Amino acid sequence: MLAPCLLRRVVLTVPLILVAALLLMEPVRSDQEAGTAIPAESRPCVDCHAFEFMQRALQDLKKTAYNLDTRTETLLLQVEKRNLCDCVAANLLN
């Protein structure tokens, strides 16, 4: 019996709080800028740093891909070797 009463209070209170929050918020005026623009003179430096960062990230990705490729190849060779050893051992037993 207590649960429906509590649920009704929550259902009525939550929208009331939302409406009050919307009324208390300050509206955004159209003359306010969303952010400051970066002057053209400083952009090349920022672009240069971003390019260097991306180059390092690409090199790291290439190195990781090479390491994964090498590791995969090593594991495949180990599996083939194990299979060959199992075949030889099985043939010797027969």
C-alpha atoms as a PDB file:
ATOM      1  CA  MET A   1       0.000   0.000   0.000  1.00  0.00           C
ATOM      2  CA  LEU A   2       2.917   2.299   0.707  1.00  0.00           C
ATOM      3  CA  ALA A   3       4.606   1.630  -2.641  1.00  0.00           C
ATOM      4  CA  PRO A   4       1.860   3.119  -4.891  1.00  0.00           C
ATOM      5  CA  CYS A   5       1.755   6.265  -2.742  1.00  0.00           C
ATOM      6  CA  LEU A   6       5.536   6.624  -2.924  1.00  0.00           C
ATOM      7  CA  LEU A   7       5.516   5.960  -6.675  1.00  0.00           C
ATOM      8  CA  ARG A   8       2.854   8.641  -7.193  1.00  0.00           C
ATOM      9  CA  ARG A   9       4.961  11.172  -5.240  1.00  0.00           C
ATOM     10  CA  VAL A  10       8.038  10.357  -7.315  1.00  0.00           C
ATOM     11  CA  VAL A  11       6.073  10.643 -10.564  1.00  0.00           C
ATOM     12  CA  LEU A  12       4.796  14.068  -9.524  1.00  0.00           C
ATOM     13  CA  THR A  13       8.030  15.346  -7.972  1.00  0.00           C
ATOM     14  CA  VAL A  14      10.500  14.512 -10.764  1.00  0.00           C
ATOM     15  CA  PRO A  15       8.758  16.594 -13.482  1.00  0.00           C
ATOM     16  CA  LEU A  16       8.359  19.443 -10.984  1.00  0.00           C
ATOM     17  CA  ILE A  17      12.109  19.425 -10.271  1.00  0.00           C
ATOM     18  CA  LEU A  18      12.894  19.347 -14.006  1.00  0.00           C
ATOM     19  CA  VAL A  19      10.602  22.305 -14.706  1.00  0.00           C
ATOM     20  CA  ALA A  20      12.130  24.270 -11.830  1.00  0.00           C
ATOM     21  CA  ALA A  21      15.648  23.519 -13.099  1.00  0.00           C
ATOM     22  CA  LEU A  22      14.724  24.683 -16.605  1.00  0.00           C
ATOM     23  CA  LEU A  23      13.246  27.904 -15.262  1.00  0.00           C
ATOM     24  CA  LEU A  24      16.321  28.644 -13.135  1.00  0.00           C
ATOM     25  CA  MET A  25      18.809  28.028 -15.944  1.00  0.00           C
ATOM     26  CA  GLU A  26      20.134  31.085 -17.714  1.00  0.00           C
ATOM     27  CA  PRO A  27      19.246  31.126 -21.421  1.00  0.00           C
ATOM     28  CA  VAL A  28      22.091  31.232 -23.919  1.00  0.00           C
ATOM     29  CA  ARG A  29      22.192  34.451 -25.846  1.00  0.00           C
ATOM     30  CA  SER A  30      22.991  34.469 -29.553  1.00  0.00           C
ATOM     31  CA  ASP A  31      25.777  37.042 -29.102  1.00  0.00           C
ATOM     32  CA  GLN A  32      27.760  34.648 -26.911  1.00  0.00           C
ATOM     33  CA  GLU A  33      30.403  32.736 -28.817  1.00  0.00           C
ATOM     34  CA  ALA A  34      30.611  28.985 -28.384  1.00  0.00           C
ATOM     35  CA  GLY A  35      34.406  29.147 -28.304  1.00  0.00           C
ATOM     36  CA  THR A  36      37.325  31.225 -29.384  1.00  0.00           C
ATOM     37  CA  ALA A  37      38.751  30.847 -32.848  1.00  0.00           C
ATOM     38  CA  ILE A  38      42.420  29.992 -33.193  1.00  0.00           C
ATOM     39  CA  PRO A  39      44.213  32.642 -35.236  1.00  0.00           C
ATOM     40  CA  ALA A  40      45.595  31.458 -38.551  1.00  0.00           C
ATOM     41  CA  GLU A  41      49.166  32.289 -37.513  1.00  0.00           C
ATOM     42  CA  SER A  42      49.167  29.737 -34.707  1.00  0.00           C
ATOM     43  CA  ARG A  43      47.333  26.977 -36.558  1.00  0.00           C
ATOM     44  CA  PRO A  44      50.343  25.628 -38.498  1.00  0.00           C
ATOM     45  CA  CYS A  45      52.183  24.961 -35.228  1.00  0.00           C
ATOM     46  CA  VAL A  46      49.184  23.110 -33.813  1.00  0.00           C
ATOM     47  CA  ASP A  47      48.761  21.193 -37.062  1.00  0.00           C
ATOM     48  CA  CYS A  48      52.465  20.344 -37.044  1.00  0.00           C
ATOM     49  CA  HIS A  49      52.278  18.920 -33.531  1.00  0.00           C
ATOM     50  CA  ALA A  50      49.161  16.954 -34.408  1.00  0.00           C
ATOM     51  CA  PHE A  51      50.866  15.589 -37.521  1.00  0.00           C
ATOM     52  CA  GLU A  52      53.934  14.522 -35.519  1.00  0.00           C
ATOM     53  CA  PHE A  53      51.703  12.852 -32.948  1.00  0.00           C
ATOM     54  CA  MET A  54      49.810  10.990 -35.661  1.00  0.00           C
ATOM     55  CA  GLN A  55      53.088   9.912 -37.279  1.00  0.00           C
ATOM     56  CA  ARG A  56      54.322   8.452 -33.983  1.00  0.00           C
ATOM     57  CA  ALA A  57      50.985   6.716 -33.450  1.00  0.00           C
ATOM     58  CA  LEU A  58      51.142   5.242 -36.949  1.00  0.00           C
ATOM     59  CA  GLN A  59      54.691   3.998 -36.356  1.00  0.00           C
ATOM     60  CA  ASP A  60      53.581   2.398 -33.099  1.00  0.00           C
ATOM     61  CA  LEU A  61      50.672   0.717 -34.879  1.00  0.00           C
ATOM     62  CA  LYS A  62      52.972  -0.584 -37.615  1.00  0.00           C
ATOM     63  CA  LYS A  63      55.379  -1.943 -34.991  1.00  0.00           C
ATOM     64  CA  THR A  64      52.528  -3.602 -33.111  1.00  0.00           C
ATOM     65  CA  ALA A  65      51.145  -5.122 -36.313  1.00  0.00           C
ATOM     66  CA  TYR A  66      54.591  -6.471 -37.225  1.00  0.00           C
ATOM     67  CA  ASN A  67      55.025  -7.954 -33.736  1.00  0.00           C
ATOM     68  CA  LEU A  68      51.592  -9.580 -33.895  1.00  0.00           C
ATOM     69  CA  ASP A  69      52.322 -10.943 -37.364  1.00  0.00           C
ATOM     70  CA  THR A  70      55.662 -12.356 -36.208  1.00  0.00           C
ATOM     71  CA  ARG A  71      54.109 -13.861 -33.088  1.00  0.00           C
ATOM     72  CA  THR A  72      51.297 -15.439 -35.138  1.00  0.00           C
ATOM     73  CA  GLU A  73      53.798 -16.919 -37.561  1.00  0.00           C
ATOM     74  CA  THR A  74      55.863 -18.331 -34.672  1.00  0.00           C
ATOM     75  CA  LEU A  75      52.779 -19.889 -33.094  1.00  0.00           C
ATOM     76  CA  LEU A  76      51.718 -21.442 -36.405  1.00  0.00           C
ATOM     77  CA  LEU A  77      55.184 -22.931 -36.865  1.00  0.00           C
ATOM     78  CA  GLN A  78      55.051 -24.364 -33.341  1.00  0.00           C
ATOM     79  CA  VAL A  79      51.665 -25.953 -34.057  1.00  0.00           C
ATOM     80  CA  GLU A  80      52.922 -27.442 -37.335  1.00  0.00           C
ATOM     81  CA  LYS A  81      56.015 -28.777 -35.574  1.00  0.00           C
ATOM     82  CA  ARG A  82      53.894 -30.290 -32.804  1.00  0.00           C
ATOM     83  CA  ASN A  83      51.589 -31.913 -35.374  1.00  0.00           C
ATOM     84  CA  LEU A  84      54.564 -33.333 -37.257  1.00  0.00           C
ATOM     85  CA  CYS A  85      56.081 -34.673 -34.045  1.00  0.00           C
ATOM     86  CA  ASP A  86      52.736 -36.262 -33.116  1.00  0.00           C
ATOM     87  CA  CYS A  87      52.514 -37.887 -36.552  1.00  0.00           C
ATOM     88  CA  VAL A  88      56.067 -39.228 -36.364  1.00  0.00           C
ATOM     89  CA  ALA A  89      55.505 -40.542 -32.860  1.00  0.00           C
ATOM     90  CA  ALA A  90      52.233 -42.183 -33.870  1.00  0.00           C
ATOM     91  CA  ASN A  91      53.858 -43.784 -36.944  1.00  0.00           C
ATOM     92  CA  LEU A  92      56.723 -45.137 -34.828  1.00  0.00           C
ATOM     93  CA  LEU A  93      54.287 -46.752 -32.417  1.00  0.00           C
ATOM     94  CA  ASN A  94      52.381 -48.501 -35.210  1.00  0.00           C
END
